[in-house]
């Protein structure tokens, strides 16, 4: 699959097959792609905690706020928790001087790599920003803020690829010379 094919087929999966485990080699390929993602000063100011089994289900339950939002997450066999880590000194200096949050950018880029490689491996993902930070920290034994949680697994058979609803290119891009 080339990158455009990945971009066209990757979507937020909300219907997982809980009976189909993710093969270890596919998980390792996803984690390696994430490791290779670019970051400010190559600092990689994040940590990935891979949750499976009972812990994955408990982490999924910590994403269920507001009357069942993210209820599909309990069927994902893997939850990847992305927590924030400190900047390396050079990135911290640049962030302060430029008043820019490079950690959030780096976490976003890593997440894009993670979800793209998962799609290339035939797996579904959903990026979750709604969760109980203190519960997830306790479950994963983390001492740093949790920024995102990614569900990972095989979509249920017959889960259709939805049409992309995106802004028109003329509303998104401008050219200057």
N, C-alpha and C. Protein backbone atom coordinates (compact mmCIF):
# COMPACT_ATOMS: atom_id res chain seq x y z
N UNK A 1 0.84 -1.17 0.00
CA UNK A 1 0.00 0.00 0.00
C UNK A 1 0.89 1.24 0.00
N UNK A 2 0.65 2.18 -0.91
CA UNK A 2 1.42 3.42 -0.86
C UNK A 2 0.76 4.38 0.13
N UNK A 3 1.41 5.51 0.38
CA UNK A 3 0.93 6.39 1.43
C UNK A 3 -0.46 6.96 1.13
N UNK A 4 -0.73 7.31 -0.11
CA UNK A 4 -2.05 7.84 -0.45
C UNK A 4 -3.13 6.79 -0.21
N UNK A 5 -2.84 5.55 -0.53
CA UNK A 5 -3.80 4.47 -0.26
C UNK A 5 -4.04 4.34 1.24
N UNK A 6 -2.98 4.46 2.02
CA UNK A 6 -3.13 4.41 3.48
C UNK A 6 -4.01 5.57 3.94
N UNK A 7 -3.74 6.77 3.44
CA UNK A 7 -4.52 7.95 3.84
C UNK A 7 -5.99 7.81 3.45
N UNK A 8 -6.25 7.18 2.32
CA UNK A 8 -7.63 7.00 1.88
C UNK A 8 -8.38 5.93 2.67
N UNK A 9 -7.67 4.94 3.19
CA UNK A 9 -8.35 3.84 3.88
C UNK A 9 -8.29 3.93 5.39
N UNK A 10 -7.34 4.67 5.95
CA UNK A 10 -7.25 4.79 7.41
C UNK A 10 -8.42 5.61 7.91
N UNK A 11 -9.09 5.10 8.91
CA UNK A 11 -10.20 5.82 9.52
C UNK A 11 -10.27 5.48 11.00
N UNK A 12 -11.07 6.22 11.73
CA UNK A 12 -11.28 5.93 13.14
C UNK A 12 -12.18 4.72 13.25
N UNK A 13 -11.60 3.62 13.68
CA UNK A 13 -12.34 2.36 13.80
C UNK A 13 -13.18 2.39 15.08
N UNK A 14 -14.45 2.11 14.94
CA UNK A 14 -15.34 2.08 16.10
C UNK A 14 -16.08 0.75 16.19
N UNK A 15 -15.52 -0.26 15.54
CA UNK A 15 -16.14 -1.58 15.55
C UNK A 15 -15.03 -2.63 15.43
N UNK A 16 -14.54 -3.11 16.59
CA UNK A 16 -13.43 -4.06 16.62
C UNK A 16 -13.92 -5.50 16.76
N UNK A 17 -13.11 -6.41 16.24
CA UNK A 17 -13.35 -7.84 16.43
C UNK A 17 -12.58 -8.27 17.68
N UNK A 18 -13.28 -8.44 18.81
CA UNK A 18 -12.59 -8.75 20.07
C UNK A 18 -12.00 -10.16 20.11
N UNK A 19 -12.36 -11.00 19.13
CA UNK A 19 -11.86 -12.38 19.13
C UNK A 19 -10.57 -12.54 18.33
N UNK A 20 -10.16 -11.48 17.68
CA UNK A 20 -8.99 -11.58 16.80
C UNK A 20 -7.81 -10.80 17.39
N UNK A 21 -6.82 -11.49 17.93
CA UNK A 21 -5.67 -10.79 18.52
C UNK A 21 -4.76 -10.19 17.44
N UNK A 22 -4.02 -9.18 17.84
CA UNK A 22 -3.03 -8.55 16.95
C UNK A 22 -1.74 -9.36 17.04
N UNK A 23 -1.23 -9.75 15.89
CA UNK A 23 0.01 -10.52 15.84
C UNK A 23 1.18 -9.66 16.35
N UNK A 24 2.08 -10.30 17.08
CA UNK A 24 3.22 -9.61 17.67
C UNK A 24 4.07 -8.90 16.62
N UNK A 25 4.28 -9.53 15.46
CA UNK A 25 5.12 -8.89 14.44
C UNK A 25 4.47 -7.63 13.88
N UNK A 26 3.14 -7.61 13.81
CA UNK A 26 2.45 -6.39 13.35
C UNK A 26 2.56 -5.30 14.41
N UNK A 27 2.38 -5.65 15.67
CA UNK A 27 2.53 -4.68 16.74
C UNK A 27 3.94 -4.10 16.74
N UNK A 28 4.95 -4.95 16.59
CA UNK A 28 6.34 -4.47 16.59
C UNK A 28 6.60 -3.55 15.40
N UNK A 29 6.03 -3.84 14.23
CA UNK A 29 6.18 -2.97 13.05
C UNK A 29 5.56 -1.60 13.33
N UNK A 30 4.43 -1.57 13.99
CA UNK A 30 3.76 -0.31 14.32
C UNK A 30 4.61 0.49 15.31
N UNK A 31 5.11 -0.18 16.32
CA UNK A 31 5.94 0.51 17.31
C UNK A 31 7.24 1.02 16.69
N UNK A 32 7.82 0.26 15.77
CA UNK A 32 9.05 0.69 15.09
C UNK A 32 8.78 1.91 14.21
N UNK A 33 7.68 1.91 13.49
CA UNK A 33 7.34 3.08 12.67
C UNK A 33 7.17 4.31 13.55
N UNK A 34 6.56 4.13 14.71
CA UNK A 34 6.38 5.24 15.65
C UNK A 34 7.73 5.73 16.15
N UNK A 35 8.60 4.81 16.48
CA UNK A 35 9.95 5.15 16.96
C UNK A 35 10.71 5.97 15.92
N UNK A 36 10.47 5.70 14.64
CA UNK A 36 11.19 6.38 13.57
C UNK A 36 10.60 7.75 13.21
N UNK A 37 9.48 8.12 13.82
CA UNK A 37 8.86 9.41 13.48
C UNK A 37 9.76 10.57 13.90
N UNK A 38 9.72 11.66 13.13
CA UNK A 38 10.55 12.82 13.48
C UNK A 38 10.02 13.54 14.72
N UNK A 39 10.93 14.19 15.42
CA UNK A 39 10.56 15.01 16.58
C UNK A 39 11.59 16.13 16.73
N UNK A 40 11.19 17.17 17.43
CA UNK A 40 12.08 18.32 17.63
C UNK A 40 13.37 17.87 18.29
N UNK A 41 14.48 18.17 17.67
CA UNK A 41 15.82 17.81 18.17
C UNK A 41 15.95 16.31 18.44
N UNK A 42 15.16 15.51 17.73
CA UNK A 42 15.14 14.05 17.91
C UNK A 42 14.91 13.67 19.37
N UNK A 43 14.16 14.49 20.09
CA UNK A 43 13.98 14.29 21.53
C UNK A 43 12.94 13.26 21.91
N UNK A 44 11.98 12.98 21.04
CA UNK A 44 10.91 12.03 21.32
C UNK A 44 10.36 12.19 22.75
N UNK A 45 9.70 13.32 23.03
CA UNK A 45 9.24 13.61 24.38
C UNK A 45 7.92 12.91 24.75
N UNK A 46 7.91 11.61 24.59
CA UNK A 46 6.71 10.82 24.87
C UNK A 46 7.12 9.40 25.21
N UNK A 47 6.18 8.68 25.78
CA UNK A 47 6.38 7.27 26.10
C UNK A 47 5.12 6.52 25.70
N UNK A 48 5.28 5.35 25.11
CA UNK A 48 4.14 4.52 24.72
C UNK A 48 4.01 3.35 25.69
N UNK A 49 2.83 3.18 26.24
CA UNK A 49 2.54 2.05 27.11
C UNK A 49 1.52 1.19 26.37
N UNK A 50 1.92 -0.03 26.04
CA UNK A 50 1.05 -0.95 25.31
C UNK A 50 0.28 -1.77 26.34
N UNK A 51 -1.04 -1.67 26.29
CA UNK A 51 -1.90 -2.36 27.25
C UNK A 51 -2.67 -3.46 26.53
N UNK A 52 -2.66 -4.64 27.12
CA UNK A 52 -3.41 -5.79 26.58
C UNK A 52 -4.22 -6.42 27.71
N UNK A 53 -5.10 -7.34 27.33
CA UNK A 53 -5.85 -8.11 28.32
C UNK A 53 -6.68 -7.26 29.24
N UNK A 54 -6.67 -7.64 30.53
CA UNK A 54 -7.48 -6.94 31.52
C UNK A 54 -7.12 -5.47 31.64
N UNK A 55 -5.85 -5.14 31.55
CA UNK A 55 -5.43 -3.73 31.65
C UNK A 55 -5.99 -2.93 30.47
N UNK A 56 -5.96 -3.50 29.27
CA UNK A 56 -6.53 -2.81 28.10
C UNK A 56 -8.01 -2.52 28.33
N UNK A 57 -8.74 -3.49 28.86
CA UNK A 57 -10.18 -3.29 29.12
C UNK A 57 -10.40 -2.21 30.19
N UNK A 58 -9.54 -2.19 31.20
CA UNK A 58 -9.66 -1.17 32.24
C UNK A 58 -9.33 0.22 31.69
N UNK A 59 -8.30 0.30 30.86
CA UNK A 59 -7.97 1.58 30.22
C UNK A 59 -9.14 2.02 29.33
N UNK A 60 -9.72 1.09 28.59
CA UNK A 60 -10.87 1.41 27.74
C UNK A 60 -12.02 1.96 28.58
N UNK A 61 -12.25 1.37 29.75
CA UNK A 61 -13.32 1.86 30.63
C UNK A 61 -13.04 3.29 31.09
N UNK A 62 -11.77 3.65 31.19
CA UNK A 62 -11.40 5.00 31.61
C UNK A 62 -11.62 6.03 30.50
N UNK A 63 -12.07 5.58 29.33
CA UNK A 63 -12.36 6.50 28.21
C UNK A 63 -13.87 6.68 28.00
N UNK A 64 -14.68 6.14 28.90
CA UNK A 64 -16.13 6.06 28.67
C UNK A 64 -16.94 7.25 29.18
N UNK A 65 -16.37 8.37 29.42
CA UNK A 65 -17.11 9.49 29.99
C UNK A 65 -18.34 9.89 29.19
N UNK A 66 -19.12 10.78 29.77
CA UNK A 66 -20.31 11.38 29.14
C UNK A 66 -21.28 10.36 28.57
N UNK A 67 -21.70 9.45 29.37
CA UNK A 67 -22.76 8.54 28.95
C UNK A 67 -22.36 7.52 27.91
N UNK A 68 -21.13 7.09 27.91
CA UNK A 68 -20.75 6.00 27.02
C UNK A 68 -19.95 6.39 25.79
N UNK A 69 -19.44 7.62 25.76
CA UNK A 69 -18.56 7.97 24.64
C UNK A 69 -17.42 6.95 24.60
N UNK A 70 -17.00 6.56 23.47
CA UNK A 70 -15.91 5.60 23.26
C UNK A 70 -16.25 4.18 23.72
N UNK A 71 -17.52 3.83 23.79
CA UNK A 71 -17.90 2.49 24.28
C UNK A 71 -17.35 1.37 23.42
N UNK A 72 -17.03 1.65 22.17
CA UNK A 72 -16.44 0.66 21.26
C UNK A 72 -15.05 0.23 21.72
N UNK A 73 -14.38 1.08 22.51
CA UNK A 73 -12.98 0.84 22.88
C UNK A 73 -12.80 -0.45 23.68
N UNK A 74 -13.81 -0.89 24.41
CA UNK A 74 -13.67 -2.09 25.23
C UNK A 74 -13.46 -3.35 24.38
N UNK A 75 -13.77 -3.29 23.09
CA UNK A 75 -13.56 -4.44 22.20
C UNK A 75 -12.20 -4.42 21.50
N UNK A 76 -11.45 -3.33 21.64
CA UNK A 76 -10.12 -3.27 21.03
C UNK A 76 -9.16 -4.10 21.88
N UNK A 77 -8.43 -5.04 21.27
CA UNK A 77 -7.54 -5.88 22.07
C UNK A 77 -6.32 -5.15 22.64
N UNK A 78 -5.96 -4.03 22.04
CA UNK A 78 -4.80 -3.27 22.50
C UNK A 78 -5.17 -1.80 22.65
N UNK A 79 -4.68 -1.22 23.74
CA UNK A 79 -4.78 0.22 23.95
C UNK A 79 -3.34 0.72 24.10
N UNK A 80 -2.98 1.72 23.31
CA UNK A 80 -1.65 2.30 23.41
C UNK A 80 -1.80 3.68 24.05
N UNK A 81 -1.22 3.82 25.22
CA UNK A 81 -1.30 5.06 25.99
C UNK A 81 -0.04 5.88 25.69
N UNK A 82 -0.25 7.11 25.25
CA UNK A 82 0.88 7.99 24.95
C UNK A 82 0.95 9.05 26.04
N UNK A 83 2.04 9.01 26.81
CA UNK A 83 2.23 9.99 27.88
C UNK A 83 3.37 10.93 27.50
N UNK A 84 3.32 12.09 28.11
CA UNK A 84 4.29 13.14 27.82
C UNK A 84 5.54 12.95 28.66
N UNK A 85 6.67 13.18 28.05
CA UNK A 85 7.96 13.16 28.74
C UNK A 85 8.61 14.53 28.58
N UNK A 86 9.62 14.83 29.40
CA UNK A 86 10.28 16.14 29.29
C UNK A 86 11.00 16.30 27.95
N UNK A 87 11.14 17.55 27.58
CA UNK A 87 11.93 17.90 26.41
C UNK A 87 13.40 17.54 26.63
N UNK A 88 14.13 17.33 25.54
CA UNK A 88 15.59 17.36 25.64
C UNK A 88 15.96 18.84 25.76
N UNK A 89 17.14 19.13 26.26
CA UNK A 89 17.52 20.53 26.55
C UNK A 89 17.39 21.46 25.35
N UNK A 90 17.84 21.00 24.19
CA UNK A 90 17.79 21.89 23.01
C UNK A 90 16.36 22.18 22.59
N UNK A 91 15.47 21.19 22.65
CA UNK A 91 14.07 21.42 22.30
C UNK A 91 13.39 22.30 23.35
N UNK A 92 13.75 22.11 24.62
CA UNK A 92 13.18 22.94 25.69
C UNK A 92 13.57 24.41 25.49
N UNK A 93 14.82 24.63 25.12
CA UNK A 93 15.29 25.98 24.87
C UNK A 93 14.52 26.59 23.69
N UNK A 94 14.42 25.85 22.59
CA UNK A 94 13.69 26.34 21.42
C UNK A 94 12.22 26.61 21.73
N UNK A 95 11.60 25.73 22.51
CA UNK A 95 10.19 25.90 22.86
C UNK A 95 9.99 27.18 23.67
N UNK A 96 10.92 27.45 24.57
CA UNK A 96 10.81 28.65 25.40
C UNK A 96 11.03 29.91 24.57
N UNK A 97 12.06 29.90 23.75
CA UNK A 97 12.38 31.08 22.92
C UNK A 97 11.27 31.36 21.91
N UNK A 98 10.77 30.32 21.27
CA UNK A 98 9.77 30.49 20.21
C UNK A 98 8.33 30.42 20.74
N UNK A 99 8.17 30.17 22.05
CA UNK A 99 6.85 30.03 22.65
C UNK A 99 6.00 29.03 21.84
N UNK A 100 6.56 27.85 21.65
CA UNK A 100 5.93 26.82 20.84
C UNK A 100 5.90 25.51 21.61
N UNK A 101 4.83 24.77 21.51
CA UNK A 101 4.68 23.50 22.22
C UNK A 101 5.11 22.35 21.31
N UNK A 102 6.40 22.09 21.25
CA UNK A 102 6.92 21.05 20.37
C UNK A 102 6.49 19.65 20.82
N UNK A 103 6.27 19.45 22.10
CA UNK A 103 5.85 18.12 22.57
C UNK A 103 4.54 17.72 21.94
N UNK A 104 3.57 18.62 21.93
CA UNK A 104 2.27 18.29 21.31
C UNK A 104 2.43 17.97 19.84
N UNK A 105 3.27 18.74 19.16
CA UNK A 105 3.51 18.46 17.74
C UNK A 105 4.16 17.09 17.56
N UNK A 106 5.16 16.80 18.37
CA UNK A 106 5.88 15.53 18.27
C UNK A 106 4.95 14.34 18.57
N UNK A 107 4.09 14.49 19.56
CA UNK A 107 3.12 13.43 19.87
C UNK A 107 2.15 13.25 18.71
N UNK A 108 1.74 14.34 18.10
CA UNK A 108 0.86 14.25 16.93
C UNK A 108 1.51 13.54 15.76
N UNK A 109 2.77 13.87 15.51
CA UNK A 109 3.50 13.21 14.41
C UNK A 109 3.67 11.73 14.70
N UNK A 110 4.05 11.39 15.92
CA UNK A 110 4.22 9.98 16.29
C UNK A 110 2.90 9.22 16.13
N UNK A 111 1.81 9.87 16.52
CA UNK A 111 0.49 9.25 16.40
C UNK A 111 0.13 9.04 14.93
N UNK A 112 0.47 9.98 14.09
CA UNK A 112 0.21 9.82 12.66
C UNK A 112 0.99 8.64 12.09
N UNK A 113 2.24 8.51 12.47
CA UNK A 113 3.04 7.37 12.01
C UNK A 113 2.45 6.06 12.53
N UNK A 114 2.06 6.04 13.80
CA UNK A 114 1.49 4.84 14.41
C UNK A 114 0.23 4.40 13.67
N UNK A 115 -0.68 5.34 13.46
CA UNK A 115 -1.96 4.98 12.83
C UNK A 115 -1.78 4.64 11.35
N UNK A 116 -0.84 5.29 10.68
CA UNK A 116 -0.59 4.96 9.27
C UNK A 116 -0.02 3.56 9.13
N UNK A 117 0.94 3.22 9.97
CA UNK A 117 1.52 1.87 9.90
C UNK A 117 0.49 0.82 10.29
N UNK A 118 -0.36 1.12 11.25
CA UNK A 118 -1.42 0.18 11.61
C UNK A 118 -2.33 -0.08 10.40
N UNK A 119 -2.69 0.97 9.68
CA UNK A 119 -3.52 0.80 8.48
C UNK A 119 -2.79 -0.04 7.44
N UNK A 120 -1.50 0.20 7.27
CA UNK A 120 -0.70 -0.58 6.31
C UNK A 120 -0.66 -2.06 6.71
N UNK A 121 -0.79 -2.34 8.01
CA UNK A 121 -0.77 -3.71 8.52
C UNK A 121 -2.17 -4.34 8.51
N UNK A 122 -3.17 -3.58 8.02
CA UNK A 122 -4.54 -4.10 7.97
C UNK A 122 -5.30 -3.99 9.28
N UNK A 123 -4.82 -3.13 10.17
CA UNK A 123 -5.44 -2.95 11.49
C UNK A 123 -6.17 -1.63 11.57
N UNK A 124 -7.11 -1.56 12.51
CA UNK A 124 -7.84 -0.34 12.75
C UNK A 124 -7.33 0.37 13.99
N UNK A 125 -7.50 1.68 14.01
CA UNK A 125 -7.12 2.50 15.16
C UNK A 125 -8.17 3.57 15.38
N UNK A 126 -8.21 4.09 16.57
CA UNK A 126 -8.98 5.30 16.85
C UNK A 126 -8.18 6.10 17.88
N UNK A 127 -8.03 7.38 17.63
CA UNK A 127 -7.28 8.27 18.51
C UNK A 127 -8.25 8.87 19.51
N UNK A 128 -8.03 8.59 20.79
CA UNK A 128 -8.93 9.06 21.83
C UNK A 128 -8.29 10.17 22.65
N UNK A 129 -9.01 11.26 22.79
CA UNK A 129 -8.55 12.36 23.62
C UNK A 129 -9.41 12.54 24.86
N UNK A 130 -10.48 11.75 24.96
CA UNK A 130 -11.38 11.83 26.11
C UNK A 130 -11.10 10.64 27.02
N UNK A 131 -10.57 10.91 28.21
CA UNK A 131 -10.25 9.83 29.15
C UNK A 131 -10.03 10.42 30.53
N UNK A 132 -10.04 9.56 31.52
CA UNK A 132 -9.76 9.95 32.89
C UNK A 132 -8.25 9.79 33.12
N UNK A 133 -7.54 10.89 33.07
CA UNK A 133 -6.08 10.88 33.16
C UNK A 133 -5.59 10.18 34.43
N UNK A 134 -6.18 10.49 35.57
CA UNK A 134 -5.69 9.90 36.82
C UNK A 134 -5.90 8.39 36.84
N UNK A 135 -7.03 7.91 36.33
CA UNK A 135 -7.26 6.46 36.28
C UNK A 135 -6.25 5.78 35.36
N UNK A 136 -6.03 6.37 34.19
CA UNK A 136 -5.11 5.76 33.23
C UNK A 136 -3.69 5.77 33.79
N UNK A 137 -3.30 6.87 34.41
CA UNK A 137 -1.96 6.94 35.03
C UNK A 137 -1.78 5.84 36.07
N UNK A 138 -2.79 5.65 36.88
CA UNK A 138 -2.71 4.63 37.93
C UNK A 138 -2.63 3.23 37.31
N UNK A 139 -3.48 2.94 36.33
CA UNK A 139 -3.47 1.63 35.68
C UNK A 139 -2.13 1.32 35.02
N UNK A 140 -1.54 2.34 34.41
CA UNK A 140 -0.29 2.15 33.65
C UNK A 140 0.96 2.49 34.46
N UNK A 141 0.77 2.88 35.70
CA UNK A 141 1.89 3.25 36.58
C UNK A 141 2.73 4.36 35.95
N UNK A 142 2.06 5.42 35.54
CA UNK A 142 2.72 6.55 34.88
C UNK A 142 2.79 7.74 35.83
N UNK A 143 3.88 8.49 35.72
CA UNK A 143 4.01 9.70 36.54
C UNK A 143 3.96 10.96 35.68
N UNK A 144 3.56 10.82 34.44
CA UNK A 144 3.50 11.95 33.52
C UNK A 144 2.11 12.04 32.91
N UNK A 145 1.71 13.23 32.44
CA UNK A 145 0.38 13.38 31.85
C UNK A 145 0.17 12.46 30.63
N UNK A 146 -1.01 11.89 30.56
CA UNK A 146 -1.40 11.11 29.39
C UNK A 146 -1.96 12.09 28.38
N UNK A 147 -1.49 12.00 27.15
CA UNK A 147 -1.94 12.93 26.11
C UNK A 147 -2.95 12.31 25.15
N UNK A 148 -2.74 11.07 24.77
CA UNK A 148 -3.66 10.38 23.85
C UNK A 148 -3.69 8.90 24.18
N UNK A 149 -4.77 8.27 23.79
CA UNK A 149 -4.88 6.82 23.86
C UNK A 149 -5.32 6.34 22.48
N UNK A 150 -4.64 5.33 21.97
CA UNK A 150 -4.95 4.80 20.65
C UNK A 150 -5.50 3.39 20.82
N UNK A 151 -6.71 3.16 20.29
CA UNK A 151 -7.24 1.80 20.25
C UNK A 151 -6.61 1.11 19.05
N UNK A 152 -6.37 -0.20 19.16
CA UNK A 152 -5.72 -0.94 18.08
C UNK A 152 -6.29 -2.35 18.01
N UNK A 153 -6.67 -2.76 16.82
CA UNK A 153 -7.17 -4.11 16.62
C UNK A 153 -7.69 -4.28 15.21
N UNK A 154 -8.24 -5.45 14.97
CA UNK A 154 -8.84 -5.72 13.66
C UNK A 154 -10.27 -5.21 13.64
N UNK A 155 -10.63 -4.47 12.59
CA UNK A 155 -12.04 -4.08 12.46
C UNK A 155 -12.91 -5.32 12.28
N UNK A 156 -14.14 -5.24 12.75
CA UNK A 156 -15.08 -6.33 12.52
C UNK A 156 -15.25 -6.53 11.03
N UNK A 157 -15.45 -7.76 10.62
CA UNK A 157 -15.66 -8.06 9.21
C UNK A 157 -16.88 -7.29 8.71
N UNK A 158 -16.74 -6.71 7.55
CA UNK A 158 -17.83 -5.95 6.96
C UNK A 158 -17.87 -4.49 7.38
N UNK A 159 -16.93 -4.05 8.24
CA UNK A 159 -16.89 -2.65 8.65
C UNK A 159 -16.46 -1.83 7.43
N UNK A 160 -17.36 -1.02 6.88
CA UNK A 160 -17.05 -0.34 5.61
C UNK A 160 -16.07 0.83 5.78
N UNK A 161 -15.33 1.10 4.72
CA UNK A 161 -14.51 2.31 4.67
C UNK A 161 -15.47 3.47 4.37
N UNK A 162 -15.50 4.44 5.26
CA UNK A 162 -16.41 5.57 5.09
C UNK A 162 -15.78 6.61 4.15
N UNK A 163 -16.62 7.31 3.39
CA UNK A 163 -16.08 8.38 2.54
C UNK A 163 -15.43 9.47 3.41
N UNK A 164 -14.34 10.03 2.92
CA UNK A 164 -13.64 11.10 3.65
C UNK A 164 -14.42 12.40 3.50
N UNK A 165 -14.65 13.07 4.61
CA UNK A 165 -15.28 14.39 4.60
C UNK A 165 -14.21 15.38 5.01
N UNK A 166 -13.66 16.05 4.06
CA UNK A 166 -12.58 16.98 4.31
C UNK A 166 -12.89 18.31 3.62
N UNK A 167 -12.20 19.34 4.06
CA UNK A 167 -12.34 20.64 3.41
C UNK A 167 -11.91 20.53 1.96
N UNK A 168 -12.50 21.36 1.13
CA UNK A 168 -12.09 21.48 -0.27
C UNK A 168 -10.66 22.05 -0.29
N UNK A 169 -9.86 21.59 -1.24
CA UNK A 169 -8.47 22.02 -1.33
C UNK A 169 -8.34 23.55 -1.39
N UNK A 170 -9.28 24.23 -2.07
CA UNK A 170 -9.19 25.69 -2.18
C UNK A 170 -9.40 26.39 -0.85
N UNK A 171 -10.05 25.72 0.10
CA UNK A 171 -10.25 26.29 1.44
C UNK A 171 -9.13 25.90 2.40
N UNK A 172 -8.26 25.06 1.95
CA UNK A 172 -7.22 24.51 2.82
C UNK A 172 -5.81 24.96 2.45
N UNK A 173 -5.60 25.26 1.16
CA UNK A 173 -4.24 25.54 0.67
C UNK A 173 -4.24 26.85 -0.10
N UNK A 174 -3.18 27.62 0.11
CA UNK A 174 -2.98 28.81 -0.74
C UNK A 174 -1.53 28.79 -1.21
N UNK A 175 -1.30 29.40 -2.33
CA UNK A 175 0.04 29.46 -2.93
C UNK A 175 0.46 30.92 -3.01
N UNK A 176 1.72 31.19 -2.71
CA UNK A 176 2.29 32.52 -2.88
C UNK A 176 3.60 32.40 -3.63
N UNK A 177 3.90 33.38 -4.43
CA UNK A 177 5.16 33.38 -5.19
C UNK A 177 5.85 34.70 -5.03
